[in-house]
Amino acid sequence: EEAIEAQALGATVLIAGHIYTTQCKAGLAPRGLGFLQAVCNAISLPVYAIGGIGFDAAQHAELLANGARGACVMSAYMRL
């Protein structure tokens, strides 16, 4: 519902998360790939996944297969 509202209000891109378990959201269950897919299917905007995303080609392919245009990486950069 929030994604549909954001699109109606003029958003041009969305970030959806948190998709995977992440230390940044310790104790909170991730929303998962089903959530990502539902958001991507509900709107025509590009959606970027966030949350628990690393430098992993298989994970990136999984996100793209579920409708994401790309991904936002935070914690993996902080560990460099």
PDB file of N, CA and C in Angstrom:
ATOM      1  N   GLU A   1       0.822  -1.196   0.000  1.00  0.00           N
ATOM      2  CA  GLU A   1       0.000   0.000   0.000  1.00  0.00           C
ATOM      3  C   GLU A   1       0.869   1.265   0.000  1.00  0.00           C
ATOM      4  N   GLU A   2       1.956   1.241   0.770  1.00  0.00           N
ATOM      5  CA  GLU A   2       2.842   2.407   0.822  1.00  0.00           C
ATOM      6  C   GLU A   2       3.520   2.643  -0.520  1.00  0.00           C
ATOM      7  N   ALA A   3       3.879   1.577  -1.214  1.00  0.00           N
ATOM      8  CA  ALA A   3       4.521   1.717  -2.524  1.00  0.00           C
ATOM      9  C   ALA A   3       3.556   2.338  -3.539  1.00  0.00           C
ATOM     10  N   ILE A   4       2.325   1.896  -3.510  1.00  0.00           N
ATOM     11  CA  ILE A   4       1.313   2.443  -4.421  1.00  0.00           C
ATOM     12  C   ILE A   4       1.085   3.918  -4.112  1.00  0.00           C
ATOM     13  N   GLU A   5       1.018   4.254  -2.836  1.00  0.00           N
ATOM     14  CA  GLU A   5       0.842   5.657  -2.445  1.00  0.00           C
ATOM     15  C   GLU A   5       2.043   6.499  -2.862  1.00  0.00           C
ATOM     16  N   ALA A   6       3.238   5.993  -2.666  1.00  0.00           N
ATOM     17  CA  ALA A   6       4.454   6.728  -3.045  1.00  0.00           C
ATOM     18  C   ALA A   6       4.466   7.002  -4.539  1.00  0.00           C
ATOM     19  N   GLN A   7       4.086   6.007  -5.326  1.00  0.00           N
ATOM     20  CA  GLN A   7       4.029   6.207  -6.773  1.00  0.00           C
ATOM     21  C   GLN A   7       2.996   7.269  -7.131  1.00  0.00           C
ATOM     22  N   ALA A   8       1.833   7.210  -6.514  1.00  0.00           N
ATOM     23  CA  ALA A   8       0.772   8.186  -6.779  1.00  0.00           C
ATOM     24  C   ALA A   8       1.193   9.599  -6.390  1.00  0.00           C
ATOM     25  N   LEU A   9       2.050   9.704  -5.379  1.00  0.00           N
ATOM     26  CA  LEU A   9       2.520  11.019  -4.925  1.00  0.00           C
ATOM     27  C   LEU A   9       3.695  11.548  -5.735  1.00  0.00           C
ATOM     28  N   GLY A  10       4.161  10.773  -6.710  1.00  0.00           N
ATOM     29  CA  GLY A  10       5.200  11.260  -7.605  1.00  0.00           C
ATOM     30  C   GLY A  10       6.591  10.701  -7.402  1.00  0.00           C
ATOM     31  N   ALA A  11       6.739   9.692  -6.568  1.00  0.00           N
ATOM     32  CA  ALA A  11       8.060   9.075  -6.404  1.00  0.00           C
ATOM     33  C   ALA A  11       8.543   8.554  -7.749  1.00  0.00           C
ATOM     34  N   THR A  12       9.847   8.561  -7.940  1.00  0.00           N
ATOM     35  CA  THR A  12      10.402   8.063  -9.196  1.00  0.00           C
ATOM     36  C   THR A  12      11.207   6.787  -9.019  1.00  0.00           C
ATOM     37  N   VAL A  13      11.505   6.432  -7.782  1.00  0.00           N
ATOM     38  CA  VAL A  13      12.222   5.202  -7.458  1.00  0.00           C
ATOM     39  C   VAL A  13      11.904   4.837  -6.005  1.00  0.00           C
ATOM     40  N   LEU A  14      11.918   3.542  -5.680  1.00  0.00           N
ATOM     41  CA  LEU A  14      11.653   3.110  -4.311  1.00  0.00           C
ATOM     42  C   LEU A  14      12.757   2.192  -3.819  1.00  0.00           C
ATOM     43  N   ILE A  15      12.961   2.210  -2.510  1.00  0.00           N
ATOM     44  CA  ILE A  15      13.857   1.278  -1.840  1.00  0.00           C
ATOM     45  C   ILE A  15      12.993   0.428  -0.932  1.00  0.00           C
ATOM     46  N   ALA A  16      13.109  -0.885  -1.044  1.00  0.00           N
ATOM     47  CA  ALA A  16      12.275  -1.808  -0.272  1.00  0.00           C
ATOM     48  C   ALA A  16      13.142  -2.684   0.632  1.00  0.00           C
ATOM     49  N   GLY A  17      12.752  -2.773   1.867  1.00  0.00           N
ATOM     50  CA  GLY A  17      13.517  -3.636   2.768  1.00  0.00           C
ATOM     51  C   GLY A  17      12.920  -3.636   4.155  1.00  0.00           C
ATOM     52  N   HIS A  18      13.558  -4.312   5.024  1.00  0.00           N
ATOM     53  CA  HIS A  18      14.796  -5.037   4.810  1.00  0.00           C
ATOM     54  C   HIS A  18      14.481  -6.450   4.346  1.00  0.00           C
ATOM     55  N   ILE A  19      15.220  -6.874   3.336  1.00  0.00           N
ATOM     56  CA  ILE A  19      14.913  -8.123   2.651  1.00  0.00           C
ATOM     57  C   ILE A  19      15.508  -9.328   3.373  1.00  0.00           C
ATOM     58  N   TYR A  20      16.761  -9.227   3.779  1.00  0.00           N
ATOM     59  CA  TYR A  20      17.439 -10.317   4.473  1.00  0.00           C
ATOM     60  C   TYR A  20      17.762  -9.886   5.904  1.00  0.00           C
ATOM     61  N   THR A  21      18.122 -10.841   6.730  1.00  0.00           N
ATOM     62  CA  THR A  21      18.549 -10.546   8.093  1.00  0.00           C
ATOM     63  C   THR A  21      19.759  -9.621   8.055  1.00  0.00           C
ATOM     64  N   THR A  22      19.755  -8.616   8.926  1.00  0.00           N
ATOM     65  CA  THR A  22      20.853  -7.658   8.961  1.00  0.00           C
ATOM     66  C   THR A  22      21.105  -7.193  10.393  1.00  0.00           C
ATOM     67  N   GLN A  23      22.351  -6.922  10.692  1.00  0.00           N
ATOM     68  CA  GLN A  23      22.714  -6.411  12.008  1.00  0.00           C
ATOM     69  C   GLN A  23      22.111  -5.025  12.250  1.00  0.00           C
ATOM     70  N   CYS A  24      21.870  -4.294  11.193  1.00  0.00           N
ATOM     71  CA  CYS A  24      21.282  -2.951  11.324  1.00  0.00           C
ATOM     72  C   CYS A  24      19.858  -3.002  11.878  1.00  0.00           C
ATOM     73  N   LYS A  25      19.207  -4.122  11.723  1.00  0.00           N
ATOM     74  CA  LYS A  25      17.832  -4.309  12.211  1.00  0.00           C
ATOM     75  C   LYS A  25      17.794  -5.543  13.113  1.00  0.00           C
ATOM     76  N   ALA A  26      18.763  -5.637  14.002  1.00  0.00           N
ATOM     77  CA  ALA A  26      18.878  -6.799  14.891  1.00  0.00           C
ATOM     78  C   ALA A  26      17.570  -7.034  15.645  1.00  0.00           C
ATOM     79  N   GLY A  27      17.134  -8.279  15.643  1.00  0.00           N
ATOM     80  CA  GLY A  27      15.913  -8.631  16.356  1.00  0.00           C
ATOM     81  C   GLY A  27      14.638  -8.503  15.538  1.00  0.00           C
ATOM     82  N   LEU A  28      14.717  -7.873  14.391  1.00  0.00           N
ATOM     83  CA  LEU A  28      13.538  -7.738  13.525  1.00  0.00           C
ATOM     84  C   LEU A  28      13.628  -8.749  12.386  1.00  0.00           C
ATOM     85  N   ALA A  29      12.577  -9.496  12.184  1.00  0.00           N
ATOM     86  CA  ALA A  29      12.556 -10.461  11.090  1.00  0.00           C
ATOM     87  C   ALA A  29      12.599  -9.726   9.747  1.00  0.00           C
ATOM     88  N   PRO A  30      13.347 -10.250   8.786  1.00  0.00           N
ATOM     89  CA  PRO A  30      13.367  -9.611   7.469  1.00  0.00           C
ATOM     90  C   PRO A  30      12.017  -9.767   6.775  1.00  0.00           C
ATOM     91  N   ARG A  31      11.731  -8.858   5.891  1.00  0.00           N
ATOM     92  CA  ARG A  31      10.460  -8.922   5.158  1.00  0.00           C
ATOM     93  C   ARG A  31      10.513  -9.988   4.073  1.00  0.00           C
ATOM     94  N   GLY A  32      11.677 -10.243   3.529  1.00  0.00           N
ATOM     95  CA  GLY A  32      11.858 -11.351   2.605  1.00  0.00           C
ATOM     96  C   GLY A  32      11.595 -11.057   1.145  1.00  0.00           C
ATOM     97  N   LEU A  33      11.865 -12.093   0.355  1.00  0.00           N
ATOM     98  CA  LEU A  33      11.742 -11.969  -1.096  1.00  0.00           C
ATOM     99  C   LEU A  33      10.291 -11.860  -1.548  1.00  0.00           C
ATOM    100  N   GLY A  34       9.380 -12.469  -0.826  1.00  0.00           N
ATOM    101  CA  GLY A  34       7.956 -12.350  -1.180  1.00  0.00           C
ATOM    102  C   GLY A  34       7.477 -10.912  -1.090  1.00  0.00           C
ATOM    103  N   PHE A  35       7.946 -10.223  -0.051  1.00  0.00           N
ATOM    104  CA  PHE A  35       7.624  -8.803   0.105  1.00  0.00           C
ATOM    105  C   PHE A  35       8.199  -8.004  -1.063  1.00  0.00           C
ATOM    106  N   LEU A  36       9.461  -8.262  -1.389  1.00  0.00           N
ATOM    107  CA  LEU A  36      10.097  -7.551  -2.500  1.00  0.00           C
ATOM    108  C   LEU A  36       9.324  -7.767  -3.795  1.00  0.00           C
ATOM    109  N   GLN A  37       8.969  -8.996  -4.054  1.00  0.00           N
ATOM    110  CA  GLN A  37       8.237  -9.312  -5.278  1.00  0.00           C
ATOM    111  C   GLN A  37       6.871  -8.627  -5.298  1.00  0.00           C
ATOM    112  N   ALA A  38       6.193  -8.608  -4.166  1.00  0.00           N
ATOM    113  CA  ALA A  38       4.878  -7.959  -4.090  1.00  0.00           C
ATOM    114  C   ALA A  38       4.982  -6.468  -4.365  1.00  0.00           C
ATOM    115  N   VAL A  39       5.993  -5.816  -3.805  1.00  0.00           N
ATOM    116  CA  VAL A  39       6.195  -4.383  -4.052  1.00  0.00           C
ATOM    117  C   VAL A  39       6.484  -4.143  -5.531  1.00  0.00           C
ATOM    118  N   CYS A  40       7.397  -4.924  -6.084  1.00  0.00           N
ATOM    119  CA  CYS A  40       7.773  -4.742  -7.498  1.00  0.00           C
ATOM    120  C   CYS A  40       6.591  -4.969  -8.437  1.00  0.00           C
ATOM    121  N   ASN A  41       5.733  -5.915  -8.101  1.00  0.00           N
ATOM    122  CA  ASN A  41       4.567  -6.209  -8.948  1.00  0.00           C
ATOM    123  C   ASN A  41       3.453  -5.181  -8.808  1.00  0.00           C
ATOM    124  N   ALA A  42       3.447  -4.447  -7.702  1.00  0.00           N
ATOM    125  CA  ALA A  42       2.355  -3.507  -7.426  1.00  0.00           C
ATOM    126  C   ALA A  42       2.532  -2.160  -8.110  1.00  0.00           C
ATOM    127  N   ILE A  43       3.757  -1.848  -8.526  1.00  0.00           N
ATOM    128  CA  ILE A  43       4.037  -0.522  -9.085  1.00  0.00           C
ATOM    129  C   ILE A  43       4.881  -0.636 -10.344  1.00  0.00           C
ATOM    130  N   SER A  44       4.979   0.478 -11.059  1.00  0.00           N
ATOM    131  CA  SER A  44       5.785   0.485 -12.280  1.00  0.00           C
ATOM    132  C   SER A  44       7.139   1.160 -12.086  1.00  0.00           C
ATOM    133  N   LEU A  45       7.427   1.601 -10.876  1.00  0.00           N
ATOM    134  CA  LEU A  45       8.699   2.273 -10.587  1.00  0.00           C
ATOM    135  C   LEU A  45       9.821   1.265 -10.398  1.00  0.00           C
ATOM    136  N   PRO A  46      11.075   1.684 -10.638  1.00  0.00           N
ATOM    137  CA  PRO A  46      12.192   0.812 -10.271  1.00  0.00           C
ATOM    138  C   PRO A  46      12.281   0.699  -8.752  1.00  0.00           C
ATOM    139  N   VAL A  47      12.530  -0.519  -8.288  1.00  0.00           N
ATOM    140  CA  VAL A  47      12.634  -0.801  -6.861  1.00  0.00           C
ATOM    141  C   VAL A  47      14.024  -1.364  -6.583  1.00  0.00           C
ATOM    142  N   TYR A  48      14.681  -0.808  -5.574  1.00  0.00           N
ATOM    143  CA  TYR A  48      15.994  -1.283  -5.148  1.00  0.00           C
ATOM    144  C   TYR A  48      15.851  -1.928  -3.779  1.00  0.00           C
ATOM    145  N   ALA A  49      16.403  -3.112  -3.633  1.00  0.00           N
ATOM    146  CA  ALA A  49      16.326  -3.855  -2.381  1.00  0.00           C
ATOM    147  C   ALA A  49      17.398  -3.361  -1.417  1.00  0.00           C
ATOM    148  N   ILE A  50      17.091  -3.427  -0.121  1.00  0.00           N
ATOM    149  CA  ILE A  50      18.043  -3.057   0.917  1.00  0.00           C
ATOM    150  C   ILE A  50      17.860  -4.010   2.101  1.00  0.00           C
ATOM    151  N   GLY A  51      18.935  -4.198   2.843  1.00  0.00           N
ATOM    152  CA  GLY A  51      18.859  -4.984   4.067  1.00  0.00           C
ATOM    153  C   GLY A  51      19.495  -6.351   3.951  1.00  0.00           C
ATOM    154  N   GLY A  52      20.667  -6.502   4.537  1.00  0.00           N
ATOM    155  CA  GLY A  52      21.358  -7.781   4.545  1.00  0.00           C
ATOM    156  C   GLY A  52      21.976  -8.155   3.213  1.00  0.00           C
ATOM    157  N   ILE A  53      22.230  -7.171   2.389  1.00  0.00           N
ATOM    158  CA  ILE A  53      22.747  -7.425   1.047  1.00  0.00           C
ATOM    159  C   ILE A  53      24.260  -7.259   1.040  1.00  0.00           C
ATOM    160  N   GLY A  54      24.934  -8.248   0.487  1.00  0.00           N
ATOM    161  CA  GLY A  54      26.392  -8.221   0.434  1.00  0.00           C
ATOM    162  C   GLY A  54      26.894  -8.229  -0.996  1.00  0.00           C
ATOM    163  N   PHE A  55      28.175  -8.504  -1.114  1.00  0.00           N
ATOM    164  CA  PHE A  55      28.814  -8.577  -2.430  1.00  0.00           C
ATOM    165  C   PHE A  55      28.746 -10.022  -2.914  1.00  0.00           C
ATOM    166  N   ASP A  56      27.567 -10.459  -3.278  1.00  0.00           N
ATOM    167  CA  ASP A  56      27.320 -11.852  -3.621  1.00  0.00           C
ATOM    168  C   ASP A  56      26.510 -11.914  -4.909  1.00  0.00           C
ATOM    169  N   ALA A  57      27.109 -12.474  -5.950  1.00  0.00           N
ATOM    170  CA  ALA A  57      26.452 -12.521  -7.261  1.00  0.00           C
ATOM    171  C   ALA A  57      25.161 -13.330  -7.225  1.00  0.00           C
ATOM    172  N   ALA A  58      25.148 -14.430  -6.490  1.00  0.00           N
ATOM    173  CA  ALA A  58      23.937 -15.258  -6.414  1.00  0.00           C
ATOM    174  C   ALA A  58      22.811 -14.501  -5.715  1.00  0.00           C
ATOM    175  N   GLN A  59      23.142 -13.785  -4.670  1.00  0.00           N
ATOM    176  CA  GLN A  59      22.140 -12.999  -3.952  1.00  0.00           C
ATOM    177  C   GLN A  59      21.593 -11.895  -4.862  1.00  0.00           C
ATOM    178  N   HIS A  60      22.474 -11.242  -5.588  1.00  0.00           N
ATOM    179  CA  HIS A  60      22.042 -10.185  -6.506  1.00  0.00           C
ATOM    180  C   HIS A  60      21.112 -10.760  -7.576  1.00  0.00           C
ATOM    181  N   ALA A  61      21.451 -11.921  -8.110  1.00  0.00           N
ATOM    182  CA  ALA A  61      20.598 -12.563  -9.114  1.00  0.00           C
ATOM    183  C   ALA A  61      19.227 -12.903  -8.527  1.00  0.00           C
ATOM    184  N   GLU A  62      19.213 -13.337  -7.263  1.00  0.00           N
ATOM    185  CA  GLU A  62      17.963 -13.651  -6.585  1.00  0.00           C
ATOM    186  C   GLU A  62      17.079 -12.408  -6.453  1.00  0.00           C
ATOM    187  N   LEU A  63      17.696 -11.288  -6.119  1.00  0.00           N
ATOM    188  CA  LEU A  63      16.947 -10.036  -6.008  1.00  0.00           C
ATOM    189  C   LEU A  63      16.368  -9.620  -7.355  1.00  0.00           C
ATOM    190  N   LEU A  64      17.174  -9.708  -8.400  1.00  0.00           N
ATOM    191  CA  LEU A  64      16.698  -9.352  -9.741  1.00  0.00           C
ATOM    192  C   LEU A  64      15.573 -10.279 -10.185  1.00  0.00           C
ATOM    193  N   ALA A  65      15.688 -11.566  -9.864  1.00  0.00           N
ATOM    194  CA  ALA A  65      14.659 -12.544 -10.232  1.00  0.00           C
ATOM    195  C   ALA A  65      13.334 -12.256  -9.531  1.00  0.00           C
ATOM    196  N   ASN A  66      13.384 -11.536  -8.428  1.00  0.00           N
ATOM    197  CA  ASN A  66      12.171 -11.181  -7.691  1.00  0.00           C
ATOM    198  C   ASN A  66      11.697  -9.771  -7.990  1.00  0.00           C
ATOM    199  N   GLY A  67      12.239  -9.165  -9.035  1.00  0.00           N
ATOM    200  CA  GLY A  67      11.718  -7.900  -9.533  1.00  0.00           C
ATOM    201  C   GLY A  67      12.522  -6.658  -9.231  1.00  0.00           C
ATOM    202  N   ALA A  68      13.545  -6.758  -8.383  1.00  0.00           N
ATOM    203  CA  ALA A  68      14.332  -5.570  -8.052  1.00  0.00           C
ATOM    204  C   ALA A  68      15.134  -5.092  -9.256  1.00  0.00           C
ATOM    205  N   ARG A  69      15.318  -3.803  -9.349  1.00  0.00           N
ATOM    206  CA  ARG A  69      16.160  -3.219 -10.390  1.00  0.00           C
ATOM    207  C   ARG A  69      17.633  -3.314  -9.988  1.00  0.00           C
ATOM    208  N   GLY A  70      17.859  -3.328  -8.686  1.00  0.00           N
ATOM    209  CA  GLY A  70      19.210  -3.416  -8.156  1.00  0.00           C
ATOM    210  C   GLY A  70      19.147  -3.507  -6.647  1.00  0.00           C
ATOM    211  N   ALA A  71      20.284  -3.219  -6.006  1.00  0.00           N
ATOM    212  CA  ALA A  71      20.351  -3.359  -4.554  1.00  0.00           C
ATOM    213  C   ALA A  71      21.193  -2.252  -3.941  1.00  0.00           C
ATOM    214  N   CYS A  72      20.902  -1.964  -2.692  1.00  0.00           N
ATOM    215  CA  CYS A  72      21.652  -0.999  -1.890  1.00  0.00           C
ATOM    216  C   CYS A  72      22.479  -1.779  -0.880  1.00  0.00           C
ATOM    217  N   VAL A  73      23.762  -1.482  -0.810  1.00  0.00           N
ATOM    218  CA  VAL A  73      24.666  -2.191   0.089  1.00  0.00           C
ATOM    219  C   VAL A  73      25.196  -1.210   1.122  1.00  0.00           C
ATOM    220  N   MET A  74      25.073  -1.563   2.417  1.00  0.00           N
ATOM    221  CA  MET A  74      25.581  -0.703   3.466  1.00  0.00           C
ATOM    222  C   MET A  74      26.555  -1.454   4.362  1.00  0.00           C
ATOM    223  N   SER A  75      26.071  -2.455   5.081  1.00  0.00           N
ATOM    224  CA  SER A  75      26.903  -3.155   6.062  1.00  0.00           C
ATOM    225  C   SER A  75      28.129  -3.783   5.434  1.00  0.00           C
ATOM    226  N   ALA A  76      28.000  -4.328   4.246  1.00  0.00           N
ATOM    227  CA  ALA A  76      29.164  -4.946   3.593  1.00  0.00           C
ATOM    228  C   ALA A  76      30.262  -3.918   3.354  1.00  0.00           C
ATOM    229  N   TYR A  77      29.898  -2.696   3.016  1.00  0.00           N
ATOM    230  CA  TYR A  77      30.894  -1.636   2.853  1.00  0.00           C
ATOM    231  C   TYR A  77      31.525  -1.268   4.191  1.00  0.00           C
ATOM    232  N   MET A  78      30.741  -1.302   5.244  1.00  0.00           N
ATOM    233  CA  MET A  78      31.247  -0.932   6.554  1.00  0.00           C
ATOM    234  C   MET A  78      32.277  -1.960   7.064  1.00  0.00           C
ATOM    235  N   ARG A  79      32.212  -3.189   6.557  1.00  0.00           N
ATOM    236  CA  ARG A  79      33.149  -4.239   6.972  1.00  0.00           C
ATOM    237  C   ARG A  79      34.436  -4.222   6.167  1.00  0.00           C
ATOM    238  N   LEU A  80      34.539  -3.404   5.150  1.00  0.00           N
ATOM    239  CA  LEU A  80      35.768  -3.361   4.332  1.00  0.00           C
ATOM    240  C   LEU A  80      36.925  -2.794   5.126  1.00  0.00           C
TER     241      LEU A  80
END
